Amino acid sequence: MRVLSFVACLAAAIAISGCSTPETRATNAPATGFASIQPGSEEDFILNVGRRTYFQGGSAILDSTATATLDRQAEWLNANQRWKVKVQGFSDDPGDEAANVTLSTARADAVMAYLVSKGVDQQRLWTKGYGRERLTRDCADITCKSQNRHVRTNLREEFDASAPQVKAAQGS
């Protein structure tokens, strides 16, 4: 019985050791699924630039952390002009839903104005404030709730039907 257990353990050890190659054990090996990200792609933007800009509670003022993120976004967007950009504001602050929609819209407008000030063509951008709709985290703890106080810069290949450019073209 001992011999059988030893053989089974030895077989398992051999099988496990054959599962990885030196390339996958290297600390600088490409992460699975991320080796083929193309420069200028949406994945490149999300992983290498960052698409979220965070705000203090009750505020639409850009702090130094926010502007550092937006500087990277503006540089990337200016280099990759094929993308259109939906700037989506979110809020999970005290007050009613109307106040949260107003605040989330002000946050999105602040981000758009900053990107435009850095040379991004305003005709490629549009904003939408969602208030508490589409929360990132639904929770009561302040550190958790703060994750909902952000603007998400989303890349698009075409304008949404709600974009001002589309509405103007339709005459509405």
N, C-alpha and C. Protein backbone atom coordinates (compact mmCIF):
# COMPACT_ATOMS: atom_id res chain seq x y z
N MET A 1 0.82 -1.18 0.00
CA MET A 1 0.00 0.00 0.00
C MET A 1 0.86 1.25 0.00
N ARG A 2 1.96 1.25 0.80
CA ARG A 2 2.87 2.39 0.84
C ARG A 2 3.51 2.61 -0.51
N VAL A 3 3.88 1.57 -1.18
CA VAL A 3 4.52 1.69 -2.48
C VAL A 3 3.54 2.31 -3.47
N LEU A 4 2.28 1.88 -3.40
CA LEU A 4 1.26 2.42 -4.30
C LEU A 4 1.04 3.91 -4.05
N SER A 5 1.02 4.34 -2.78
CA SER A 5 0.86 5.75 -2.45
C SER A 5 2.05 6.55 -2.94
N PHE A 6 3.27 6.01 -2.76
CA PHE A 6 4.47 6.67 -3.22
C PHE A 6 4.45 6.85 -4.74
N VAL A 7 4.05 5.82 -5.46
CA VAL A 7 4.00 5.88 -6.92
C VAL A 7 2.96 6.91 -7.37
N ALA A 8 1.82 6.95 -6.69
CA ALA A 8 0.78 7.91 -7.04
C ALA A 8 1.27 9.33 -6.80
N CYS A 9 1.96 9.58 -5.69
CA CYS A 9 2.50 10.91 -5.40
C CYS A 9 3.57 11.30 -6.41
N LEU A 10 4.44 10.36 -6.75
CA LEU A 10 5.49 10.61 -7.73
C LEU A 10 4.89 10.94 -9.09
N ALA A 11 3.87 10.21 -9.49
CA ALA A 11 3.20 10.46 -10.78
C ALA A 11 2.56 11.85 -10.78
N ALA A 12 1.94 12.23 -9.66
CA ALA A 12 1.31 13.55 -9.57
C ALA A 12 2.37 14.65 -9.64
N ALA A 13 3.50 14.47 -8.97
CA ALA A 13 4.57 15.46 -8.99
C ALA A 13 5.13 15.63 -10.40
N ILE A 14 5.30 14.53 -11.10
CA ILE A 14 5.80 14.59 -12.47
C ILE A 14 4.80 15.31 -13.37
N ALA A 15 3.53 15.01 -13.20
CA ALA A 15 2.49 15.64 -14.02
C ALA A 15 2.44 17.14 -13.78
N ILE A 16 2.52 17.54 -12.51
CA ILE A 16 2.47 18.97 -12.18
C ILE A 16 3.69 19.69 -12.72
N SER A 17 4.87 19.10 -12.58
CA SER A 17 6.08 19.78 -13.04
C SER A 17 6.10 19.94 -14.55
N GLY A 18 5.38 19.13 -15.27
CA GLY A 18 5.33 19.25 -16.73
C GLY A 18 4.33 20.28 -17.21
N CYS A 19 3.56 20.89 -16.28
CA CYS A 19 2.52 21.84 -16.68
C CYS A 19 3.06 23.21 -17.02
N SER A 20 4.21 23.58 -16.50
CA SER A 20 4.70 24.93 -16.79
C SER A 20 6.06 24.87 -17.46
N THR A 21 6.26 25.81 -18.32
CA THR A 21 7.54 25.93 -19.01
C THR A 21 8.28 27.11 -18.42
N PRO A 22 9.57 27.23 -18.66
CA PRO A 22 10.31 28.38 -18.13
C PRO A 22 9.71 29.71 -18.56
N GLU A 23 9.12 29.79 -19.76
CA GLU A 23 8.55 31.05 -20.24
C GLU A 23 7.37 31.49 -19.39
N THR A 24 6.53 30.56 -18.93
CA THR A 24 5.35 30.95 -18.15
C THR A 24 5.70 31.23 -16.70
N ARG A 25 6.86 30.77 -16.23
CA ARG A 25 7.26 31.04 -14.86
C ARG A 25 8.03 32.35 -14.75
N ALA A 26 8.46 32.92 -15.85
CA ALA A 26 9.24 34.16 -15.81
C ALA A 26 8.37 35.30 -15.30
N THR A 27 8.96 36.16 -14.49
CA THR A 27 8.17 37.27 -13.94
C THR A 27 7.82 38.33 -14.98
N ASN A 28 8.55 38.38 -16.06
CA ASN A 28 8.24 39.37 -17.08
C ASN A 28 7.55 38.77 -18.30
N ALA A 29 7.00 37.57 -18.14
CA ALA A 29 6.28 36.93 -19.24
C ALA A 29 4.97 37.68 -19.49
N PRO A 30 4.53 37.77 -20.75
CA PRO A 30 3.26 38.44 -21.03
C PRO A 30 2.11 37.74 -20.30
N ALA A 31 1.20 38.51 -19.76
CA ALA A 31 0.03 37.95 -19.10
C ALA A 31 -0.86 37.31 -20.15
N THR A 32 -1.43 36.18 -19.80
CA THR A 32 -2.31 35.48 -20.72
C THR A 32 -3.45 36.40 -21.17
N GLY A 33 -3.66 36.47 -22.46
CA GLY A 33 -4.74 37.28 -23.01
C GLY A 33 -4.37 38.72 -23.29
N PHE A 34 -3.20 39.16 -22.84
CA PHE A 34 -2.81 40.56 -23.03
C PHE A 34 -1.61 40.72 -23.96
N ALA A 35 -1.08 39.66 -24.46
CA ALA A 35 0.12 39.73 -25.30
C ALA A 35 -0.16 40.34 -26.66
N SER A 36 -1.38 40.27 -27.13
CA SER A 36 -1.65 40.74 -28.49
C SER A 36 -2.47 42.03 -28.53
N ILE A 37 -2.40 42.84 -27.49
CA ILE A 37 -3.11 44.11 -27.49
C ILE A 37 -2.44 45.05 -28.49
N GLN A 38 -3.24 45.59 -29.38
CA GLN A 38 -2.73 46.48 -30.41
C GLN A 38 -2.70 47.93 -29.92
N PRO A 39 -1.61 48.64 -30.19
CA PRO A 39 -1.59 50.07 -29.86
C PRO A 39 -2.75 50.77 -30.56
N GLY A 40 -3.40 51.68 -29.86
CA GLY A 40 -4.53 52.40 -30.43
C GLY A 40 -5.86 51.70 -30.30
N SER A 41 -5.87 50.51 -29.68
CA SER A 41 -7.12 49.76 -29.50
C SER A 41 -7.79 50.19 -28.20
N GLU A 42 -9.06 49.81 -28.08
CA GLU A 42 -9.79 50.10 -26.85
C GLU A 42 -9.12 49.43 -25.65
N GLU A 43 -8.62 48.22 -25.84
CA GLU A 43 -7.93 47.52 -24.75
C GLU A 43 -6.68 48.28 -24.34
N ASP A 44 -5.95 48.82 -25.32
CA ASP A 44 -4.75 49.62 -25.04
C ASP A 44 -5.14 50.82 -24.17
N PHE A 45 -6.22 51.49 -24.53
CA PHE A 45 -6.68 52.66 -23.77
C PHE A 45 -7.03 52.28 -22.34
N ILE A 46 -7.81 51.23 -22.18
CA ILE A 46 -8.26 50.83 -20.85
C ILE A 46 -7.09 50.39 -19.97
N LEU A 47 -6.21 49.56 -20.50
CA LEU A 47 -5.12 49.00 -19.69
C LEU A 47 -3.93 49.93 -19.51
N ASN A 48 -3.60 50.70 -20.51
CA ASN A 48 -2.36 51.49 -20.45
C ASN A 48 -2.58 52.97 -20.17
N VAL A 49 -3.81 53.44 -20.29
CA VAL A 49 -4.09 54.86 -20.04
C VAL A 49 -5.00 55.01 -18.83
N GLY A 50 -6.10 54.28 -18.83
CA GLY A 50 -7.09 54.37 -17.75
C GLY A 50 -8.27 55.20 -18.21
N ARG A 51 -9.47 54.70 -17.96
CA ARG A 51 -10.64 55.42 -18.45
C ARG A 51 -11.49 56.05 -17.37
N ARG A 52 -11.12 55.90 -16.10
CA ARG A 52 -11.91 56.46 -15.01
C ARG A 52 -11.19 57.62 -14.35
N THR A 53 -11.98 58.67 -14.08
CA THR A 53 -11.51 59.85 -13.38
C THR A 53 -12.39 59.99 -12.14
N TYR A 54 -11.77 60.01 -10.96
CA TYR A 54 -12.53 60.03 -9.71
C TYR A 54 -12.64 61.44 -9.13
N PHE A 55 -13.71 61.65 -8.35
CA PHE A 55 -14.02 62.95 -7.77
C PHE A 55 -14.27 62.81 -6.28
N GLN A 56 -14.09 63.93 -5.57
CA GLN A 56 -14.46 64.00 -4.16
C GLN A 56 -15.98 64.06 -4.07
N GLY A 57 -16.53 63.65 -2.95
CA GLY A 57 -17.98 63.70 -2.75
C GLY A 57 -18.54 65.10 -2.94
N GLY A 58 -19.64 65.21 -3.66
CA GLY A 58 -20.31 66.47 -3.88
C GLY A 58 -19.58 67.44 -4.78
N SER A 59 -18.53 67.00 -5.47
CA SER A 59 -17.70 67.91 -6.24
C SER A 59 -17.55 67.47 -7.70
N ALA A 60 -17.41 68.47 -8.56
CA ALA A 60 -17.08 68.22 -9.96
C ALA A 60 -15.73 68.87 -10.30
N ILE A 61 -14.94 69.16 -9.26
CA ILE A 61 -13.63 69.79 -9.44
C ILE A 61 -12.58 68.72 -9.69
N LEU A 62 -11.76 68.96 -10.70
CA LEU A 62 -10.68 68.03 -11.04
C LEU A 62 -9.49 68.29 -10.13
N ASP A 63 -9.03 67.27 -9.42
CA ASP A 63 -7.84 67.41 -8.58
C ASP A 63 -6.61 66.96 -9.37
N SER A 64 -5.46 66.98 -8.75
CA SER A 64 -4.21 66.66 -9.46
C SER A 64 -4.17 65.20 -9.94
N THR A 65 -4.78 64.29 -9.21
CA THR A 65 -4.83 62.90 -9.65
C THR A 65 -5.70 62.78 -10.90
N ALA A 66 -6.84 63.48 -10.89
CA ALA A 66 -7.74 63.45 -12.04
C ALA A 66 -7.06 64.04 -13.27
N THR A 67 -6.38 65.17 -13.11
CA THR A 67 -5.75 65.79 -14.27
C THR A 67 -4.59 64.95 -14.81
N ALA A 68 -3.91 64.22 -13.94
CA ALA A 68 -2.85 63.33 -14.42
C ALA A 68 -3.44 62.24 -15.31
N THR A 69 -4.57 61.67 -14.89
CA THR A 69 -5.26 60.67 -15.72
C THR A 69 -5.72 61.29 -17.02
N LEU A 70 -6.31 62.47 -16.95
CA LEU A 70 -6.84 63.13 -18.15
C LEU A 70 -5.72 63.57 -19.10
N ASP A 71 -4.57 63.91 -18.57
CA ASP A 71 -3.43 64.25 -19.44
C ASP A 71 -3.04 63.03 -20.29
N ARG A 72 -3.02 61.85 -19.66
CA ARG A 72 -2.71 60.61 -20.40
C ARG A 72 -3.79 60.32 -21.43
N GLN A 73 -5.06 60.53 -21.03
CA GLN A 73 -6.16 60.30 -21.96
C GLN A 73 -6.06 61.24 -23.16
N ALA A 74 -5.82 62.52 -22.91
CA ALA A 74 -5.74 63.50 -23.99
C ALA A 74 -4.61 63.15 -24.96
N GLU A 75 -3.47 62.79 -24.42
CA GLU A 75 -2.33 62.42 -25.28
C GLU A 75 -2.71 61.23 -26.16
N TRP A 76 -3.32 60.22 -25.56
CA TRP A 76 -3.71 59.02 -26.31
C TRP A 76 -4.79 59.35 -27.35
N LEU A 77 -5.79 60.12 -26.95
CA LEU A 77 -6.88 60.47 -27.88
C LEU A 77 -6.37 61.33 -29.04
N ASN A 78 -5.43 62.22 -28.77
CA ASN A 78 -4.86 63.03 -29.85
C ASN A 78 -4.03 62.18 -30.82
N ALA A 79 -3.46 61.11 -30.31
CA ALA A 79 -2.67 60.21 -31.18
C ALA A 79 -3.56 59.18 -31.90
N ASN A 80 -4.76 58.97 -31.42
CA ASN A 80 -5.68 57.96 -31.98
C ASN A 80 -7.02 58.62 -32.30
N GLN A 81 -7.02 59.44 -33.32
CA GLN A 81 -8.16 60.30 -33.62
C GLN A 81 -9.34 59.59 -34.27
N ARG A 82 -9.22 58.31 -34.56
CA ARG A 82 -10.36 57.60 -35.17
C ARG A 82 -11.49 57.37 -34.17
N TRP A 83 -11.18 57.47 -32.87
CA TRP A 83 -12.17 57.17 -31.84
C TRP A 83 -13.04 58.39 -31.52
N LYS A 84 -14.31 58.14 -31.32
CA LYS A 84 -15.23 59.10 -30.74
C LYS A 84 -15.31 58.75 -29.25
N VAL A 85 -15.75 59.70 -28.43
CA VAL A 85 -15.66 59.51 -26.99
C VAL A 85 -16.95 59.91 -26.30
N LYS A 86 -17.54 58.97 -25.60
CA LYS A 86 -18.69 59.26 -24.75
C LYS A 86 -18.17 59.41 -23.33
N VAL A 87 -18.34 60.61 -22.77
CA VAL A 87 -17.86 60.92 -21.43
C VAL A 87 -19.06 60.77 -20.49
N GLN A 88 -19.03 59.73 -19.67
CA GLN A 88 -20.16 59.37 -18.83
C GLN A 88 -19.88 59.71 -17.36
N GLY A 89 -20.74 60.53 -16.79
CA GLY A 89 -20.59 60.91 -15.40
C GLY A 89 -21.49 60.08 -14.50
N PHE A 90 -20.99 59.81 -13.28
CA PHE A 90 -21.73 59.02 -12.30
C PHE A 90 -21.62 59.68 -10.94
N SER A 91 -22.62 59.44 -10.11
CA SER A 91 -22.64 60.05 -8.79
C SER A 91 -23.38 59.13 -7.82
N ASP A 92 -22.91 59.10 -6.60
CA ASP A 92 -23.59 58.38 -5.53
C ASP A 92 -23.48 59.23 -4.27
N ASP A 93 -23.90 60.48 -4.42
CA ASP A 93 -23.75 61.46 -3.36
C ASP A 93 -25.09 61.67 -2.65
N PRO A 94 -25.05 62.30 -1.47
CA PRO A 94 -26.31 62.61 -0.79
C PRO A 94 -27.19 63.50 -1.68
N GLY A 95 -28.46 63.41 -1.48
CA GLY A 95 -29.39 64.21 -2.27
C GLY A 95 -30.28 63.34 -3.12
N ASP A 96 -31.26 63.98 -3.75
CA ASP A 96 -32.18 63.22 -4.58
C ASP A 96 -31.57 62.90 -5.94
N GLU A 97 -32.32 62.15 -6.72
CA GLU A 97 -31.80 61.69 -8.02
C GLU A 97 -31.52 62.87 -8.95
N ALA A 98 -32.37 63.88 -8.94
CA ALA A 98 -32.13 65.04 -9.81
C ALA A 98 -30.80 65.72 -9.48
N ALA A 99 -30.50 65.84 -8.19
CA ALA A 99 -29.23 66.45 -7.79
C ALA A 99 -28.05 65.58 -8.23
N ASN A 100 -28.20 64.28 -8.16
CA ASN A 100 -27.13 63.38 -8.58
C ASN A 100 -26.93 63.41 -10.09
N VAL A 101 -28.00 63.53 -10.85
CA VAL A 101 -27.87 63.65 -12.31
C VAL A 101 -27.17 64.96 -12.66
N THR A 102 -27.54 66.04 -11.97
CA THR A 102 -26.90 67.33 -12.21
C THR A 102 -25.41 67.26 -11.90
N LEU A 103 -25.06 66.65 -10.76
CA LEU A 103 -23.65 66.52 -10.37
C LEU A 103 -22.89 65.63 -11.34
N SER A 104 -23.47 64.50 -11.72
CA SER A 104 -22.76 63.60 -12.63
C SER A 104 -22.58 64.24 -14.01
N THR A 105 -23.55 65.05 -14.43
CA THR A 105 -23.41 65.78 -15.69
C THR A 105 -22.31 66.83 -15.58
N ALA A 106 -22.24 67.53 -14.45
CA ALA A 106 -21.18 68.52 -14.24
C ALA A 106 -19.80 67.85 -14.24
N ARG A 107 -19.70 66.67 -13.68
CA ARG A 107 -18.43 65.93 -13.70
C ARG A 107 -18.04 65.57 -15.13
N ALA A 108 -19.00 65.06 -15.89
CA ALA A 108 -18.71 64.70 -17.28
C ALA A 108 -18.32 65.94 -18.09
N ASP A 109 -19.02 67.05 -17.87
CA ASP A 109 -18.70 68.30 -18.57
C ASP A 109 -17.31 68.79 -18.21
N ALA A 110 -16.90 68.66 -16.94
CA ALA A 110 -15.57 69.08 -16.51
C ALA A 110 -14.49 68.25 -17.20
N VAL A 111 -14.72 66.95 -17.31
CA VAL A 111 -13.75 66.08 -17.99
C VAL A 111 -13.68 66.44 -19.47
N MET A 112 -14.83 66.63 -20.10
CA MET A 112 -14.83 66.98 -21.52
C MET A 112 -14.11 68.30 -21.75
N ALA A 113 -14.39 69.31 -20.93
CA ALA A 113 -13.74 70.62 -21.08
C ALA A 113 -12.22 70.49 -20.92
N TYR A 114 -11.78 69.66 -19.99
CA TYR A 114 -10.35 69.48 -19.79
C TYR A 114 -9.71 68.80 -21.01
N LEU A 115 -10.35 67.76 -21.52
CA LEU A 115 -9.81 67.08 -22.70
C LEU A 115 -9.74 68.03 -23.89
N VAL A 116 -10.76 68.86 -24.07
CA VAL A 116 -10.76 69.84 -25.16
C VAL A 116 -9.63 70.84 -24.96
N SER A 117 -9.40 71.26 -23.70
CA SER A 117 -8.31 72.21 -23.42
C SER A 117 -6.94 71.62 -23.74
N LYS A 118 -6.86 70.31 -23.80
CA LYS A 118 -5.61 69.61 -24.12
C LYS A 118 -5.54 69.22 -25.60
N GLY A 119 -6.46 69.75 -26.41
CA GLY A 119 -6.37 69.57 -27.85
C GLY A 119 -7.27 68.51 -28.47
N VAL A 120 -8.06 67.81 -27.66
CA VAL A 120 -8.97 66.81 -28.22
C VAL A 120 -10.12 67.55 -28.88
N ASP A 121 -10.42 67.20 -30.12
CA ASP A 121 -11.47 67.86 -30.89
C ASP A 121 -12.83 67.67 -30.23
N GLN A 122 -13.48 68.77 -29.88
CA GLN A 122 -14.77 68.71 -29.20
C GLN A 122 -15.83 67.99 -30.04
N GLN A 123 -15.68 67.98 -31.35
CA GLN A 123 -16.66 67.32 -32.22
C GLN A 123 -16.63 65.80 -32.07
N ARG A 124 -15.61 65.26 -31.44
CA ARG A 124 -15.51 63.82 -31.20
C ARG A 124 -16.13 63.41 -29.86
N LEU A 125 -16.51 64.37 -29.03
CA LEU A 125 -16.90 64.12 -27.65
C LEU A 125 -18.36 64.46 -27.39
N TRP A 126 -18.98 63.72 -26.49
CA TRP A 126 -20.29 64.09 -25.95
C TRP A 126 -20.41 63.52 -24.55
N THR A 127 -21.30 64.14 -23.76
CA THR A 127 -21.41 63.77 -22.35
C THR A 127 -22.80 63.24 -22.03
N LYS A 128 -22.84 62.50 -20.94
CA LYS A 128 -24.11 62.00 -20.40
C LYS A 128 -23.92 61.82 -18.90
N GLY A 129 -24.82 62.41 -18.10
CA GLY A 129 -24.80 62.23 -16.66
C GLY A 129 -25.82 61.18 -16.26
N TYR A 130 -25.40 60.19 -15.52
CA TYR A 130 -26.28 59.08 -15.14
C TYR A 130 -26.75 59.13 -13.69
N GLY A 131 -26.21 60.01 -12.89
CA GLY A 131 -26.60 60.03 -11.47
C GLY A 131 -26.26 58.71 -10.82
N ARG A 132 -27.23 58.12 -10.12
CA ARG A 132 -27.02 56.84 -9.43
C ARG A 132 -27.27 55.63 -10.33
N GLU A 133 -27.75 55.88 -11.52
CA GLU A 133 -27.99 54.79 -12.47
C GLU A 133 -26.65 54.13 -12.81
N ARG A 134 -26.61 52.84 -12.95
CA ARG A 134 -25.40 52.10 -13.34
C ARG A 134 -24.27 52.23 -12.32
N LEU A 135 -24.57 52.02 -11.05
CA LEU A 135 -23.55 52.10 -10.01
C LEU A 135 -22.45 51.06 -10.25
N THR A 136 -21.22 51.46 -9.96
CA THR A 136 -20.11 50.52 -10.00
C THR A 136 -20.20 49.59 -8.80
N ARG A 137 -20.49 50.16 -7.63
CA ARG A 137 -20.65 49.40 -6.40
C ARG A 137 -21.90 49.86 -5.71
N ASP A 138 -22.74 48.96 -5.27
CA ASP A 138 -23.95 49.28 -4.53
C ASP A 138 -23.71 48.94 -3.07
N CYS A 139 -23.37 49.95 -2.28
CA CYS A 139 -22.99 49.70 -0.90
C CYS A 139 -23.19 50.96 -0.07
N ALA A 140 -23.11 50.82 1.24
CA ALA A 140 -23.31 51.95 2.13
C ALA A 140 -22.00 52.53 2.66
N ASP A 141 -20.94 51.75 2.72
CA ASP A 141 -19.65 52.20 3.24
C ASP A 141 -19.08 53.31 2.36
N ILE A 142 -18.57 54.36 2.98
CA ILE A 142 -18.10 55.54 2.25
C ILE A 142 -16.93 55.21 1.30
N THR A 143 -16.03 54.32 1.71
CA THR A 143 -14.91 53.98 0.82
C THR A 143 -15.40 53.21 -0.39
N CYS A 144 -16.45 52.46 -0.22
CA CYS A 144 -17.04 51.72 -1.33
C CYS A 144 -17.84 52.66 -2.22
N LYS A 145 -18.66 53.52 -1.61
CA LYS A 145 -19.49 54.46 -2.37
C LYS A 145 -18.65 55.40 -3.22
N SER A 146 -17.46 55.74 -2.75
CA SER A 146 -16.62 56.69 -3.48
C SER A 146 -16.23 56.18 -4.87
N GLN A 147 -16.30 54.87 -5.07
CA GLN A 147 -16.00 54.31 -6.38
C GLN A 147 -17.05 54.69 -7.42
N ASN A 148 -18.22 55.10 -6.98
CA ASN A 148 -19.29 55.53 -7.88
C ASN A 148 -19.16 56.99 -8.29
N ARG A 149 -18.26 57.71 -7.68
CA ARG A 149 -18.10 59.15 -7.95
C ARG A 149 -17.01 59.34 -8.99
N HIS A 150 -17.37 59.04 -10.22
CA HIS A 150 -16.36 59.08 -11.27
C HIS A 150 -16.96 59.44 -12.62
N VAL A 151 -16.05 59.65 -13.55
CA VAL A 151 -16.42 59.80 -14.96
C VAL A 151 -15.69 58.70 -15.70
N ARG A 152 -16.40 58.06 -16.59
CA ARG A 152 -15.83 57.00 -17.42
C ARG A 152 -15.71 57.53 -18.85
N THR A 153 -14.51 57.49 -19.39
CA THR A 153 -14.24 57.91 -20.75
C THR A 153 -14.32 56.67 -21.62
N ASN A 154 -15.41 56.55 -22.39
CA ASN A 154 -15.65 55.36 -23.20
C ASN A 154 -15.42 55.66 -24.67
N LEU A 155 -14.65 54.80 -25.30
CA LEU A 155 -14.38 54.94 -26.72
C LEU A 155 -15.53 54.38 -27.53
N ARG A 156 -15.85 55.04 -28.63
CA ARG A 156 -16.91 54.59 -29.53
C ARG A 156 -16.42 54.71 -30.98
N GLU A 157 -16.93 53.84 -31.82
CA GLU A 157 -16.62 53.93 -33.24
C GLU A 157 -17.59 54.86 -33.95
N GLU A 158 -18.76 55.08 -33.35
CA GLU A 158 -19.74 56.00 -33.92
C GLU A 158 -20.50 56.66 -32.78
N PHE A 159 -21.19 57.74 -33.10
CA PHE A 159 -21.96 58.46 -32.08
C PHE A 159 -23.20 57.66 -31.69
N ASP A 160 -23.59 57.76 -30.40
CA ASP A 160 -24.86 57.21 -29.94
C ASP A 160 -25.98 58.05 -30.53
N ALA A 161 -27.17 57.50 -30.58
CA ALA A 161 -28.33 58.24 -31.07
C ALA A 161 -28.61 59.47 -30.22
N SER A 162 -28.18 59.45 -28.95
CA SER A 162 -28.42 60.58 -28.05
C SER A 162 -27.36 61.67 -28.14
N ALA A 163 -26.30 61.45 -28.92
CA ALA A 163 -25.22 62.43 -29.01
C ALA A 163 -25.72 63.70 -29.69
N PRO A 164 -25.27 64.86 -29.21
CA PRO A 164 -25.70 66.13 -29.82
C PRO A 164 -25.42 66.20 -31.33
N GLN A 165 -24.33 65.59 -31.78
CA GLN A 165 -24.00 65.61 -33.20
C GLN A 165 -25.09 64.90 -34.02
N VAL A 166 -25.61 63.81 -33.48
CA VAL A 166 -26.65 63.03 -34.17
C VAL A 166 -27.96 63.80 -34.14
N LYS A 167 -28.29 64.37 -32.97
CA LYS A 167 -29.54 65.14 -32.85
C LYS A 167 -29.53 66.34 -33.80
N ALA A 168 -28.38 67.02 -33.91
CA ALA A 168 -28.28 68.18 -34.80
C ALA A 168 -28.48 67.75 -36.26
N ALA A 169 -27.91 66.62 -36.63
CA ALA A 169 -28.04 66.11 -38.01
C ALA A 169 -29.48 65.73 -38.32
N GLN A 170 -30.22 65.30 -37.27
CA GLN A 170 -31.62 64.89 -37.46
C GLN A 170 -32.55 66.09 -37.38
N GLY A 171 -32.03 67.24 -36.99
CA GLY A 171 -32.85 68.44 -36.88
C GLY A 171 -33.71 68.49 -35.65
N SER A 172 -33.33 67.74 -34.59
CA SER A 172 -34.14 67.80 -33.37
C SER A 172 -33.51 68.68 -32.31
